Amino acid sequence: MEEITHRTVAVNGINMHVAEKGEGPVVLLIHGFPELWYSWRHQIVALAAHGYHAVAPDLRGFGDTDAPPAVTSYTMFHVVGDLVGLIEALGRDQVFVVGHDWGALVAWNLCMFRPDKVKALVNLSVVFRPRNPTGKPVETLRAAYGDDYYVCRFQEPGRTEAEFGRVGTSLIIKKFLTYHDPGPVIVPKEKGFGDAPDKENALPSWLSEEDLNYFAGKFEKSGFTGGLNYYRALDLNWELMAPWTGVQIKVPVKFIVGDQDLAYHFPGVQDYISKGGFKRDVPLLEDMVVMEGVGHFINQERPQEISNIILEFIKKF
């Protein structure tokens, strides 16, 4: 870990913190929420050891990267623009891309906007979601799950930040990273995010106190607004993305998900995968990997297996 180097790169009008290691073809690793470059700590080391240049940024709004205050600064055009700027700053025409959670959504959009920049993609947890021209995302989620669904709860600026502040950063990070229920995250207003603190207090074997402290220390400093703004920009993204309705992802793709991942149990996802929708929209999709007994934070829960699958796939290109 101490051999991972860090620098700040000016991209797309912001300063982006990047962790990197190794020499060779670039593998760009894109994290989710509430995460950081650190979520890829195991993959960075594994990729570097096999002759790749692993590059893991903190996305805008996270960690040591700038966090513009306005929700409107968190559209996919901004975030993908940051990564295109990073690829150019690395002096590369094309890179391999690996995404997880929000990072997977960003990666799908990077492939949609700039397929010329992506040699191949490995995405974790979140399938491609073609734009539904008939309904905005937040309205759709509210209709399905109600106002207490976590994405709906995140919408009001300041409210979730205040609640997270009352609960404490470390406990919030712990609650998210150790969530291992395939059901949706429902947070009743009267109970809030601080309800039912972990009775057993034990962290899973794949998450140490040191890991938790690293995440918590960075979020303590940066706050959660930047990360929450990705959720708050969902409907704005939907409006701006109208010209890309019906677009296919035309880069080679490997997809990995845990069978206990809440994203895998999102309504319609398994039908979308099994009935041909996923392959229709992502025609260069290779066989999928569904890992038994694994939850959402798959790259941290099963680091060696994920690293091996990434390496096995990208060495073909």
C-alpha atoms as a PDB file:
ATOM      1  CA  MET A   1       0.000   0.000   0.000  1.00  0.00           C
ATOM      2  CA  GLU A   2       2.815   2.415   0.828  1.00  0.00           C
ATOM      3  CA  GLU A   3       4.104   2.028  -2.738  1.00  0.00           C
ATOM      4  CA  ILE A   4       0.893   3.517  -4.172  1.00  0.00           C
ATOM      5  CA  THR A   5       1.718   7.070  -5.233  1.00  0.00           C
ATOM      6  CA  HIS A   6      -0.580  10.077  -5.108  1.00  0.00           C
ATOM      7  CA  ARG A   7      -0.798  13.268  -7.131  1.00  0.00           C
ATOM      8  CA  THR A   8      -3.228  15.985  -8.103  1.00  0.00           C
ATOM      9  CA  VAL A   9      -4.162  16.435 -11.760  1.00  0.00           C
ATOM     10  CA  ALA A  10      -5.936  19.478 -13.200  1.00  0.00           C
ATOM     11  CA  VAL A  11      -8.878  18.202 -15.289  1.00  0.00           C
ATOM     12  CA  ASN A  12     -12.015  19.875 -16.623  1.00  0.00           C
ATOM     13  CA  GLY A  13     -11.720  22.903 -14.340  1.00  0.00           C
ATOM     14  CA  ILE A  14     -11.165  20.954 -11.100  1.00  0.00           C
ATOM     15  CA  ASN A  15      -8.225  19.444  -9.234  1.00  0.00           C
ATOM     16  CA  MET A  16      -8.524  15.669  -9.112  1.00  0.00           C
ATOM     17  CA  HIS A  17      -6.679  13.466  -6.636  1.00  0.00           C
ATOM     18  CA  VAL A  18      -5.326  10.288  -8.201  1.00  0.00           C
ATOM     19  CA  ALA A  19      -3.785   7.171  -6.639  1.00  0.00           C
ATOM     20  CA  GLU A  20      -1.650   5.069  -8.977  1.00  0.00           C
ATOM     21  CA  LYS A  21       0.887   2.288  -9.206  1.00  0.00           C
ATOM     22  CA  GLY A  22       2.663   0.298 -11.902  1.00  0.00           C
ATOM     23  CA  GLU A  23       3.735   0.749 -15.496  1.00  0.00           C
ATOM     24  CA  GLY A  24       2.098  -0.464 -18.698  1.00  0.00           C
ATOM     25  CA  PRO A  25      -1.403  -0.177 -20.181  1.00  0.00           C
ATOM     26  CA  VAL A  26      -3.646   2.033 -18.033  1.00  0.00           C
ATOM     27  CA  VAL A  27      -6.518   0.543 -16.057  1.00  0.00           C
ATOM     28  CA  LEU A  28      -8.832   3.297 -14.807  1.00  0.00           C
ATOM     29  CA  LEU A  29     -10.683   2.282 -11.618  1.00  0.00           C
ATOM     30  CA  ILE A  30     -13.876   4.247 -10.825  1.00  0.00           C
ATOM     31  CA  HIS A  31     -15.359   4.085  -7.314  1.00  0.00           C
ATOM     32  CA  GLY A  32     -18.894   4.489  -5.984  1.00  0.00           C
ATOM     33  CA  PHE A  33     -20.685   5.913  -2.907  1.00  0.00           C
ATOM     34  CA  PRO A  34     -19.745   6.388  -0.111  1.00  0.00           C
ATOM     35  CA  GLU A  35     -16.285   5.471  -1.301  1.00  0.00           C
ATOM     36  CA  LEU A  36     -12.919   6.702  -2.538  1.00  0.00           C
ATOM     37  CA  TRP A  37      -9.936   5.570  -4.607  1.00  0.00           C
ATOM     38  CA  TYR A  38      -9.203   3.432  -1.515  1.00  0.00           C
ATOM     39  CA  SER A  39     -11.974   0.977  -2.446  1.00  0.00           C
ATOM     40  CA  TRP A  40      -9.603  -0.258  -5.179  1.00  0.00           C
ATOM     41  CA  ARG A  41      -6.563  -0.653  -2.883  1.00  0.00           C
ATOM     42  CA  HIS A  42      -6.304  -4.405  -3.540  1.00  0.00           C
ATOM     43  CA  GLN A  43      -6.844  -4.180  -7.304  1.00  0.00           C
ATOM     44  CA  ILE A  44      -4.275  -1.380  -7.670  1.00  0.00           C
ATOM     45  CA  VAL A  45      -1.568  -3.602  -6.192  1.00  0.00           C
ATOM     46  CA  ALA A  46      -2.647  -6.702  -8.173  1.00  0.00           C
ATOM     47  CA  LEU A  47      -2.849  -4.882 -11.515  1.00  0.00           C
ATOM     48  CA  ALA A  48       0.529  -3.198 -11.001  1.00  0.00           C
ATOM     49  CA  ALA A  49       2.105  -6.564 -10.181  1.00  0.00           C
ATOM     50  CA  HIS A  50       0.884  -7.913 -13.542  1.00  0.00           C
ATOM     51  CA  GLY A  51       2.289  -5.172 -15.745  1.00  0.00           C
ATOM     52  CA  TYR A  52      -0.480  -2.566 -15.725  1.00  0.00           C
ATOM     53  CA  HIS A  53      -0.610   1.087 -14.688  1.00  0.00           C
ATOM     54  CA  ALA A  54      -3.510   1.171 -12.213  1.00  0.00           C
ATOM     55  CA  VAL A  55      -5.073   4.624 -11.815  1.00  0.00           C
ATOM     56  CA  ALA A  56      -7.795   5.251  -9.220  1.00  0.00           C
ATOM     57  CA  PRO A  57      -9.093   8.822  -8.857  1.00  0.00           C
ATOM     58  CA  ASP A  58     -11.325  10.270  -6.200  1.00  0.00           C
ATOM     59  CA  LEU A  59     -14.304  11.370  -8.321  1.00  0.00           C
ATOM     60  CA  ARG A  60     -15.426  15.003  -8.139  1.00  0.00           C
ATOM     61  CA  GLY A  61     -17.077  15.623  -4.783  1.00  0.00           C
ATOM     62  CA  PHE A  62     -15.133  12.865  -3.015  1.00  0.00           C
ATOM     63  CA  GLY A  63     -11.992  12.669  -0.900  1.00  0.00           C
ATOM     64  CA  ASP A  64      -9.152  14.953  -1.949  1.00  0.00           C
ATOM     65  CA  THR A  65     -10.710  15.939  -5.287  1.00  0.00           C
ATOM     66  CA  ASP A  66     -12.483  19.299  -5.560  1.00  0.00           C
ATOM     67  CA  ALA A  67     -16.179  19.337  -4.658  1.00  0.00           C
ATOM     68  CA  PRO A  68     -18.091  22.083  -6.479  1.00  0.00           C
ATOM     69  CA  PRO A  69     -21.093  23.080  -4.337  1.00  0.00           C
ATOM     70  CA  ALA A  70     -23.873  23.128  -6.963  1.00  0.00           C
ATOM     71  CA  VAL A  71     -25.922  20.017  -7.749  1.00  0.00           C
ATOM     72  CA  THR A  72     -25.799  21.080 -11.397  1.00  0.00           C
ATOM     73  CA  SER A  73     -22.015  20.438 -11.387  1.00  0.00           C
ATOM     74  CA  TYR A  74     -22.585  16.684 -10.961  1.00  0.00           C
ATOM     75  CA  THR A  75     -24.126  15.621 -14.250  1.00  0.00           C
ATOM     76  CA  MET A  76     -22.652  12.713 -16.173  1.00  0.00           C
ATOM     77  CA  PHE A  77     -21.245  15.253 -18.605  1.00  0.00           C
ATOM     78  CA  HIS A  78     -19.159  16.780 -15.824  1.00  0.00           C
ATOM     79  CA  VAL A  79     -18.022  13.491 -14.323  1.00  0.00           C
ATOM     80  CA  VAL A  80     -17.246  11.806 -17.653  1.00  0.00           C
ATOM     81  CA  GLY A  81     -15.577  15.043 -18.747  1.00  0.00           C
ATOM     82  CA  ASP A  82     -13.280  14.790 -15.725  1.00  0.00           C
ATOM     83  CA  LEU A  83     -12.267  11.259 -16.709  1.00  0.00           C
ATOM     84  CA  VAL A  84     -11.694  12.148 -20.363  1.00  0.00           C
ATOM     85  CA  GLY A  85      -9.445  14.932 -19.073  1.00  0.00           C
ATOM     86  CA  LEU A  86      -7.631  12.448 -16.840  1.00  0.00           C
ATOM     87  CA  ILE A  87      -7.102   9.998 -19.718  1.00  0.00           C
ATOM     88  CA  GLU A  88      -5.620  12.838 -21.766  1.00  0.00           C
ATOM     89  CA  ALA A  89      -3.432  13.948 -18.828  1.00  0.00           C
ATOM     90  CA  LEU A  90      -2.093  10.391 -18.637  1.00  0.00           C
ATOM     91  CA  GLY A  91      -1.052  10.733 -22.278  1.00  0.00           C
ATOM     92  CA  ARG A  92      -3.168   7.794 -23.435  1.00  0.00           C
ATOM     93  CA  ASP A  93      -5.535   7.442 -26.361  1.00  0.00           C
ATOM     94  CA  GLN A  94      -7.339   4.475 -24.816  1.00  0.00           C
ATOM     95  CA  VAL A  95      -7.555   2.815 -21.405  1.00  0.00           C
ATOM     96  CA  PHE A  96      -9.150  -0.192 -19.763  1.00  0.00           C
ATOM     97  CA  VAL A  97     -11.958   0.838 -17.399  1.00  0.00           C
ATOM     98  CA  VAL A  98     -13.309  -0.848 -14.258  1.00  0.00           C
ATOM     99  CA  GLY A  99     -16.325   0.625 -12.446  1.00  0.00           C
ATOM    100  CA  HIS A 100     -18.389  -0.181  -9.377  1.00  0.00           C
ATOM    101  CA  ASP A 101     -21.673   1.268  -8.042  1.00  0.00           C
ATOM    102  CA  TRP A 102     -21.836   4.942  -9.164  1.00  0.00           C
ATOM    103  CA  GLY A 103     -18.497   4.288 -10.811  1.00  0.00           C
ATOM    104  CA  ALA A 104     -20.200   1.645 -12.956  1.00  0.00           C
ATOM    105  CA  LEU A 105     -22.858   4.166 -14.025  1.00  0.00           C
ATOM    106  CA  VAL A 106     -20.107   6.662 -14.843  1.00  0.00           C
ATOM    107  CA  ALA A 107     -18.263   3.962 -16.803  1.00  0.00           C
ATOM    108  CA  TRP A 108     -21.366   3.085 -18.846  1.00  0.00           C
ATOM    109  CA  ASN A 109     -21.714   6.768 -19.701  1.00  0.00           C
ATOM    110  CA  LEU A 110     -18.025   7.102 -20.561  1.00  0.00           C
ATOM    111  CA  CYS A 111     -18.495   4.227 -23.013  1.00  0.00           C
ATOM    112  CA  MET A 112     -21.632   5.867 -24.386  1.00  0.00           C
ATOM    113  CA  PHE A 113     -20.079   9.303 -24.903  1.00  0.00           C
ATOM    114  CA  ARG A 114     -16.517   8.335 -25.778  1.00  0.00           C
ATOM    115  CA  PRO A 115     -16.204   4.673 -26.810  1.00  0.00           C
ATOM    116  CA  ASP A 116     -13.010   5.651 -28.626  1.00  0.00           C
ATOM    117  CA  LYS A 117     -11.346   6.115 -25.218  1.00  0.00           C
ATOM    118  CA  VAL A 118     -12.194   2.654 -23.822  1.00  0.00           C
ATOM    119  CA  LYS A 119     -10.380  -0.551 -24.855  1.00  0.00           C
ATOM    120  CA  ALA A 120     -12.612  -2.741 -22.717  1.00  0.00           C
ATOM    121  CA  LEU A 121     -14.789  -2.399 -19.621  1.00  0.00           C
ATOM    122  CA  VAL A 122     -15.235  -4.514 -16.490  1.00  0.00           C
ATOM    123  CA  ASN A 123     -18.274  -3.307 -14.548  1.00  0.00           C
ATOM    124  CA  LEU A 124     -19.318  -4.448 -11.091  1.00  0.00           C
ATOM    125  CA  SER A 125     -22.771  -4.498  -9.469  1.00  0.00           C
ATOM    126  CA  VAL A 126     -24.742  -2.064 -11.648  1.00  0.00           C
ATOM    127  CA  VAL A 127     -26.037  -3.176 -15.053  1.00  0.00           C
ATOM    128  CA  PHE A 128     -26.447  -0.753 -17.924  1.00  0.00           C
ATOM    129  CA  ARG A 129     -29.730   1.096 -17.525  1.00  0.00           C
ATOM    130  CA  PRO A 130     -31.092   2.370 -20.820  1.00  0.00           C
ATOM    131  CA  ARG A 131     -32.877   5.702 -20.503  1.00  0.00           C
ATOM    132  CA  ASN A 132     -36.617   5.336 -19.994  1.00  0.00           C
ATOM    133  CA  PRO A 133     -38.151   8.152 -22.057  1.00  0.00           C
ATOM    134  CA  THR A 134     -41.458   8.004 -20.163  1.00  0.00           C
ATOM    135  CA  GLY A 135     -40.395   8.606 -16.567  1.00  0.00           C
ATOM    136  CA  LYS A 136     -37.887  10.561 -14.492  1.00  0.00           C
ATOM    137  CA  PRO A 137     -35.745   8.356 -12.228  1.00  0.00           C
ATOM    138  CA  VAL A 138     -36.645   9.850  -8.833  1.00  0.00           C
ATOM    139  CA  GLU A 139     -40.393   9.785  -9.570  1.00  0.00           C
ATOM    140  CA  THR A 140     -40.065   6.183 -10.731  1.00  0.00           C
ATOM    141  CA  LEU A 141     -38.179   5.173  -7.575  1.00  0.00           C
ATOM    142  CA  ARG A 142     -40.646   7.007  -5.352  1.00  0.00           C
ATOM    143  CA  ALA A 143     -43.561   5.219  -7.026  1.00  0.00           C
ATOM    144  CA  ALA A 144     -41.852   1.861  -6.519  1.00  0.00           C
ATOM    145  CA  TYR A 145     -40.561   2.273  -2.960  1.00  0.00           C
ATOM    146  CA  GLY A 146     -42.100   5.366  -1.393  1.00  0.00           C
ATOM    147  CA  ASP A 147     -40.583   8.501   0.128  1.00  0.00           C
ATOM    148  CA  ASP A 148     -38.432   6.535   2.570  1.00  0.00           C
ATOM    149  CA  TYR A 149     -36.335   4.882  -0.133  1.00  0.00           C
ATOM    150  CA  TYR A 150     -32.782   6.097   0.456  1.00  0.00           C
ATOM    151  CA  VAL A 151     -32.410   7.749  -2.990  1.00  0.00           C
ATOM    152  CA  CYS A 152     -35.602   9.744  -2.338  1.00  0.00           C
ATOM    153  CA  ARG A 153     -34.405  10.643   1.157  1.00  0.00           C
ATOM    154  CA  PHE A 154     -31.131  11.937  -0.308  1.00  0.00           C
ATOM    155  CA  GLN A 155     -32.873  14.481  -2.570  1.00  0.00           C
ATOM    156  CA  GLU A 156     -33.368  17.393  -0.151  1.00  0.00           C
ATOM    157  CA  PRO A 157     -30.135  19.406   0.082  1.00  0.00           C
ATOM    158  CA  GLY A 158     -28.723  19.591   3.598  1.00  0.00           C
ATOM    159  CA  ARG A 159     -31.140  17.216   5.289  1.00  0.00           C
ATOM    160  CA  THR A 160     -29.158  13.996   4.866  1.00  0.00           C
ATOM    161  CA  GLU A 161     -25.895  15.792   5.648  1.00  0.00           C
ATOM    162  CA  ALA A 162     -27.364  16.994   8.954  1.00  0.00           C
ATOM    163  CA  GLU A 163     -28.604  13.511   9.782  1.00  0.00           C
ATOM    164  CA  PHE A 164     -25.242  11.943   8.931  1.00  0.00           C
ATOM    165  CA  GLY A 165     -23.623  14.583  11.141  1.00  0.00           C
ATOM    166  CA  ARG A 166     -25.806  13.586  14.091  1.00  0.00           C
ATOM    167  CA  VAL A 167     -25.096   9.884  13.637  1.00  0.00           C
ATOM    168  CA  GLY A 168     -21.356  10.310  13.079  1.00  0.00           C
ATOM    169  CA  THR A 169     -19.270   9.781   9.959  1.00  0.00           C
ATOM    170  CA  SER A 170     -17.632   6.537  11.051  1.00  0.00           C
ATOM    171  CA  LEU A 171     -20.930   4.814  11.869  1.00  0.00           C
ATOM    172  CA  ILE A 172     -22.519   5.988   8.598  1.00  0.00           C
ATOM    173  CA  ILE A 173     -19.600   4.613   6.548  1.00  0.00           C
ATOM    174  CA  LYS A 174     -19.733   1.379   8.520  1.00  0.00           C
ATOM    175  CA  LYS A 175     -23.491   1.018   7.952  1.00  0.00           C
ATOM    176  CA  PHE A 176     -23.112   1.442   4.197  1.00  0.00           C
ATOM    177  CA  LEU A 177     -20.038  -0.721   3.679  1.00  0.00           C
ATOM    178  CA  THR A 178     -21.349  -3.590   5.812  1.00  0.00           C
ATOM    179  CA  TYR A 179     -24.874  -3.557   4.316  1.00  0.00           C
ATOM    180  CA  HIS A 180     -25.395  -7.123   3.113  1.00  0.00           C
ATOM    181  CA  ASP A 181     -29.119  -7.299   2.497  1.00  0.00           C
ATOM    182  CA  PRO A 182     -30.407  -7.859  -1.053  1.00  0.00           C
ATOM    183  CA  GLY A 183     -33.512  -5.798  -0.245  1.00  0.00           C
ATOM    184  CA  PRO A 184     -33.855  -2.050  -0.907  1.00  0.00           C
ATOM    185  CA  VAL A 185     -32.497   0.488   1.581  1.00  0.00           C
ATOM    186  CA  ILE A 186     -35.589   1.942   3.273  1.00  0.00           C
ATOM    187  CA  VAL A 187     -34.960   4.638   5.899  1.00  0.00           C
ATOM    188  CA  PRO A 188     -38.143   5.710   7.739  1.00  0.00           C
ATOM    189  CA  LYS A 189     -38.051   9.438   8.490  1.00  0.00           C
ATOM    190  CA  GLU A 190     -38.983   8.923  12.126  1.00  0.00           C
ATOM    191  CA  LYS A 191     -36.055   6.525  12.656  1.00  0.00           C
ATOM    192  CA  GLY A 192     -33.445   7.894  10.303  1.00  0.00           C
ATOM    193  CA  PHE A 193     -30.039   6.619   9.252  1.00  0.00           C
ATOM    194  CA  GLY A 194     -28.867   6.245  12.835  1.00  0.00           C
ATOM    195  CA  ASP A 195     -31.495   3.663  13.767  1.00  0.00           C
ATOM    196  CA  ALA A 196     -30.518   0.208  15.062  1.00  0.00           C
ATOM    197  CA  PRO A 197     -26.776   0.623  15.503  1.00  0.00           C
ATOM    198  CA  ASP A 198     -24.852  -2.552  14.816  1.00  0.00           C
ATOM    199  CA  LYS A 199     -25.343  -4.756  17.822  1.00  0.00           C
ATOM    200  CA  GLU A 200     -22.373  -6.991  17.118  1.00  0.00           C
ATOM    201  CA  ASN A 201     -19.944  -4.136  16.309  1.00  0.00           C
ATOM    202  CA  ALA A 202     -17.681  -6.632  14.548  1.00  0.00           C
ATOM    203  CA  LEU A 203     -16.471  -5.619  11.129  1.00  0.00           C
ATOM    204  CA  PRO A 204     -16.450  -8.234   8.349  1.00  0.00           C
ATOM    205  CA  SER A 205     -13.086  -9.897   7.719  1.00  0.00           C
ATOM    206  CA  TRP A 206     -12.543  -7.843   4.567  1.00  0.00           C
ATOM    207  CA  LEU A 207     -12.899  -4.444   6.288  1.00  0.00           C
ATOM    208  CA  SER A 208     -10.427  -3.507   9.030  1.00  0.00           C
ATOM    209  CA  GLU A 209     -10.660  -0.687  11.562  1.00  0.00           C
ATOM    210  CA  GLU A 210      -7.803   0.935   9.657  1.00  0.00           C
ATOM    211  CA  ASP A 211      -9.832   0.777   6.421  1.00  0.00           C
ATOM    212  CA  LEU A 212     -12.900   2.213   8.121  1.00  0.00           C
ATOM    213  CA  ASN A 213     -10.838   4.996   9.674  1.00  0.00           C
ATOM    214  CA  TYR A 214      -9.363   5.939   6.293  1.00  0.00           C
ATOM    215  CA  PHE A 215     -12.811   6.306   4.703  1.00  0.00           C
ATOM    216  CA  ALA A 216     -14.231   8.114   7.753  1.00  0.00           C
ATOM    217  CA  GLY A 217     -11.269  10.493   7.991  1.00  0.00           C
ATOM    218  CA  LYS A 218     -11.668  11.618   4.386  1.00  0.00           C
ATOM    219  CA  PHE A 219     -15.469  12.018   4.622  1.00  0.00           C
ATOM    220  CA  GLU A 220     -15.077  13.843   7.937  1.00  0.00           C
ATOM    221  CA  LYS A 221     -12.962  16.369   6.071  1.00  0.00           C
ATOM    222  CA  SER A 222     -14.896  16.595   2.781  1.00  0.00           C
ATOM    223  CA  GLY A 223     -18.440  16.002   4.011  1.00  0.00           C
ATOM    224  CA  PHE A 224     -21.030  13.996   2.059  1.00  0.00           C
ATOM    225  CA  THR A 225     -22.584  16.713  -0.112  1.00  0.00           C
ATOM    226  CA  GLY A 226     -20.439  15.983  -3.175  1.00  0.00           C
ATOM    227  CA  GLY A 227     -21.366  12.304  -3.165  1.00  0.00           C
ATOM    228  CA  LEU A 228     -25.034  13.006  -2.440  1.00  0.00           C
ATOM    229  CA  ASN A 229     -25.151  15.433  -5.356  1.00  0.00           C
ATOM    230  CA  TYR A 230     -24.810  12.487  -7.763  1.00  0.00           C
ATOM    231  CA  TYR A 231     -28.220  11.294  -6.522  1.00  0.00           C
ATOM    232  CA  ARG A 232     -29.615  14.823  -6.612  1.00  0.00           C
ATOM    233  CA  ALA A 233     -28.607  15.192 -10.259  1.00  0.00           C
ATOM    234  CA  LEU A 234     -30.439  12.008 -11.353  1.00  0.00           C
ATOM    235  CA  ASP A 235     -33.428  13.815 -12.852  1.00  0.00           C
ATOM    236  CA  LEU A 236     -31.253  16.521 -14.419  1.00  0.00           C
ATOM    237  CA  ASN A 237     -29.183  13.769 -16.052  1.00  0.00           C
ATOM    238  CA  TRP A 238     -32.366  12.196 -17.373  1.00  0.00           C
ATOM    239  CA  GLU A 239     -33.363  15.482 -19.008  1.00  0.00           C
ATOM    240  CA  LEU A 240     -29.930  16.088 -20.545  1.00  0.00           C
ATOM    241  CA  MET A 241     -29.538  12.512 -21.775  1.00  0.00           C
ATOM    242  CA  ALA A 242     -32.561  12.535 -24.084  1.00  0.00           C
ATOM    243  CA  PRO A 243     -30.412  12.499 -27.263  1.00  0.00           C
ATOM    244  CA  TRP A 244     -28.820   9.211 -26.123  1.00  0.00           C
ATOM    245  CA  THR A 245     -32.123   7.334 -25.718  1.00  0.00           C
ATOM    246  CA  GLY A 246     -31.728   3.911 -27.314  1.00  0.00           C
ATOM    247  CA  VAL A 247     -27.937   4.065 -27.674  1.00  0.00           C
ATOM    248  CA  GLN A 248     -26.021   0.796 -27.326  1.00  0.00           C
ATOM    249  CA  ILE A 249     -22.741   0.316 -25.457  1.00  0.00           C
ATOM    250  CA  LYS A 250     -20.295  -0.784 -28.127  1.00  0.00           C
ATOM    251  CA  VAL A 251     -17.153  -1.728 -26.243  1.00  0.00           C
ATOM    252  CA  PRO A 252     -16.208  -5.217 -24.982  1.00  0.00           C
ATOM    253  CA  VAL A 253     -17.694  -5.716 -21.495  1.00  0.00           C
ATOM    254  CA  LYS A 254     -17.377  -8.156 -18.615  1.00  0.00           C
ATOM    255  CA  PHE A 255     -19.977  -7.842 -15.846  1.00  0.00           C
ATOM    256  CA  ILE A 256     -19.642  -9.139 -12.277  1.00  0.00           C
ATOM    257  CA  VAL A 257     -22.234  -9.036  -9.488  1.00  0.00           C
ATOM    258  CA  GLY A 258     -22.829 -10.690  -6.111  1.00  0.00           C
ATOM    259  CA  ASP A 259     -26.032 -12.656  -5.666  1.00  0.00           C
ATOM    260  CA  GLN A 260     -26.668 -10.775  -2.394  1.00  0.00           C
ATOM    261  CA  ASP A 261     -26.143  -7.368  -4.000  1.00  0.00           C
ATOM    262  CA  LEU A 262     -29.144  -5.040  -3.670  1.00  0.00           C
ATOM    263  CA  ALA A 263     -28.405  -3.777  -7.217  1.00  0.00           C
ATOM    264  CA  TYR A 264     -28.882  -7.335  -8.553  1.00  0.00           C
ATOM    265  CA  HIS A 265     -32.274  -7.509  -6.814  1.00  0.00           C
ATOM    266  CA  PHE A 266     -33.513  -4.167  -8.098  1.00  0.00           C
ATOM    267  CA  PRO A 267     -36.907  -4.771  -9.783  1.00  0.00           C
ATOM    268  CA  GLY A 268     -36.507  -5.926 -13.364  1.00  0.00           C
ATOM    269  CA  VAL A 269     -32.715  -6.341 -13.312  1.00  0.00           C
ATOM    270  CA  GLN A 270     -32.590 -10.139 -13.347  1.00  0.00           C
ATOM    271  CA  ASP A 271     -35.221 -10.292 -16.104  1.00  0.00           C
ATOM    272  CA  TYR A 272     -33.264  -7.668 -18.050  1.00  0.00           C
ATOM    273  CA  ILE A 273     -30.199  -9.905 -17.799  1.00  0.00           C
ATOM    274  CA  SER A 274     -31.836 -13.301 -18.384  1.00  0.00           C
ATOM    275  CA  LYS A 275     -34.301 -12.313 -21.131  1.00  0.00           C
ATOM    276  CA  GLY A 276     -31.763 -10.710 -23.432  1.00  0.00           C
ATOM    277  CA  GLY A 277     -32.205  -7.002 -22.716  1.00  0.00           C
ATOM    278  CA  PHE A 278     -28.695  -6.573 -21.336  1.00  0.00           C
ATOM    279  CA  LYS A 279     -27.094  -8.338 -24.312  1.00  0.00           C
ATOM    280  CA  ARG A 280     -29.270  -6.324 -26.719  1.00  0.00           C
ATOM    281  CA  ASP A 281     -28.114  -3.021 -25.236  1.00  0.00           C
ATOM    282  CA  VAL A 282     -24.518  -4.163 -24.658  1.00  0.00           C
ATOM    283  CA  PRO A 283     -23.874  -6.375 -27.710  1.00  0.00           C
ATOM    284  CA  LEU A 284     -20.206  -7.010 -26.880  1.00  0.00           C
ATOM    285  CA  LEU A 285     -21.068  -8.305 -23.391  1.00  0.00           C
ATOM    286  CA  GLU A 286     -19.092 -11.418 -22.521  1.00  0.00           C
ATOM    287  CA  ASP A 287     -20.364 -14.024 -20.070  1.00  0.00           C
ATOM    288  CA  MET A 288     -21.475 -12.602 -16.728  1.00  0.00           C
ATOM    289  CA  VAL A 289     -20.116 -13.681 -13.370  1.00  0.00           C
ATOM    290  CA  VAL A 290     -22.577 -13.972 -10.468  1.00  0.00           C
ATOM    291  CA  MET A 291     -20.694 -14.567  -7.197  1.00  0.00           C
ATOM    292  CA  GLU A 292     -22.481 -16.589  -4.546  1.00  0.00           C
ATOM    293  CA  GLY A 293     -22.948 -15.120  -1.088  1.00  0.00           C
ATOM    294  CA  VAL A 294     -21.368 -11.792  -2.018  1.00  0.00           C
ATOM    295  CA  GLY A 295     -22.919  -8.396  -1.307  1.00  0.00           C
ATOM    296  CA  HIS A 296     -22.628  -4.982  -2.923  1.00  0.00           C
ATOM    297  CA  PHE A 297     -19.043  -3.968  -2.108  1.00  0.00           C
ATOM    298  CA  ILE A 298     -17.723  -6.862  -4.142  1.00  0.00           C
ATOM    299  CA  ASN A 299     -14.280  -5.472  -5.012  1.00  0.00           C
ATOM    300  CA  GLN A 300     -13.494  -5.176  -1.310  1.00  0.00           C
ATOM    301  CA  GLU A 301     -15.317  -8.308  -0.148  1.00  0.00           C
ATOM    302  CA  ARG A 302     -13.665 -10.593  -2.732  1.00  0.00           C
ATOM    303  CA  PRO A 303     -10.560  -8.648  -3.771  1.00  0.00           C
ATOM    304  CA  GLN A 304      -8.445 -11.503  -5.144  1.00  0.00           C
ATOM    305  CA  GLU A 305     -11.227 -13.017  -7.229  1.00  0.00           C
ATOM    306  CA  ILE A 306     -12.194  -9.639  -8.680  1.00  0.00           C
ATOM    307  CA  SER A 307      -8.569  -8.827  -9.516  1.00  0.00           C
ATOM    308  CA  ASN A 308      -8.170 -12.210 -11.223  1.00  0.00           C
ATOM    309  CA  ILE A 309     -11.320 -11.758 -13.334  1.00  0.00           C
ATOM    310  CA  ILE A 310     -10.230  -8.258 -14.384  1.00  0.00           C
ATOM    311  CA  LEU A 311      -6.770  -9.513 -15.364  1.00  0.00           C
ATOM    312  CA  GLU A 312      -8.141 -12.535 -17.204  1.00  0.00           C
ATOM    313  CA  PHE A 313     -10.444 -10.330 -19.258  1.00  0.00           C
ATOM    314  CA  ILE A 314      -8.181  -7.418 -20.139  1.00  0.00           C
ATOM    315  CA  LYS A 315      -5.243  -9.572 -21.176  1.00  0.00           C
ATOM    316  CA  LYS A 316      -7.275 -10.562 -24.267  1.00  0.00           C
ATOM    317  CA  PHE A 317      -6.922  -7.067 -25.749  1.00  0.00           C
END
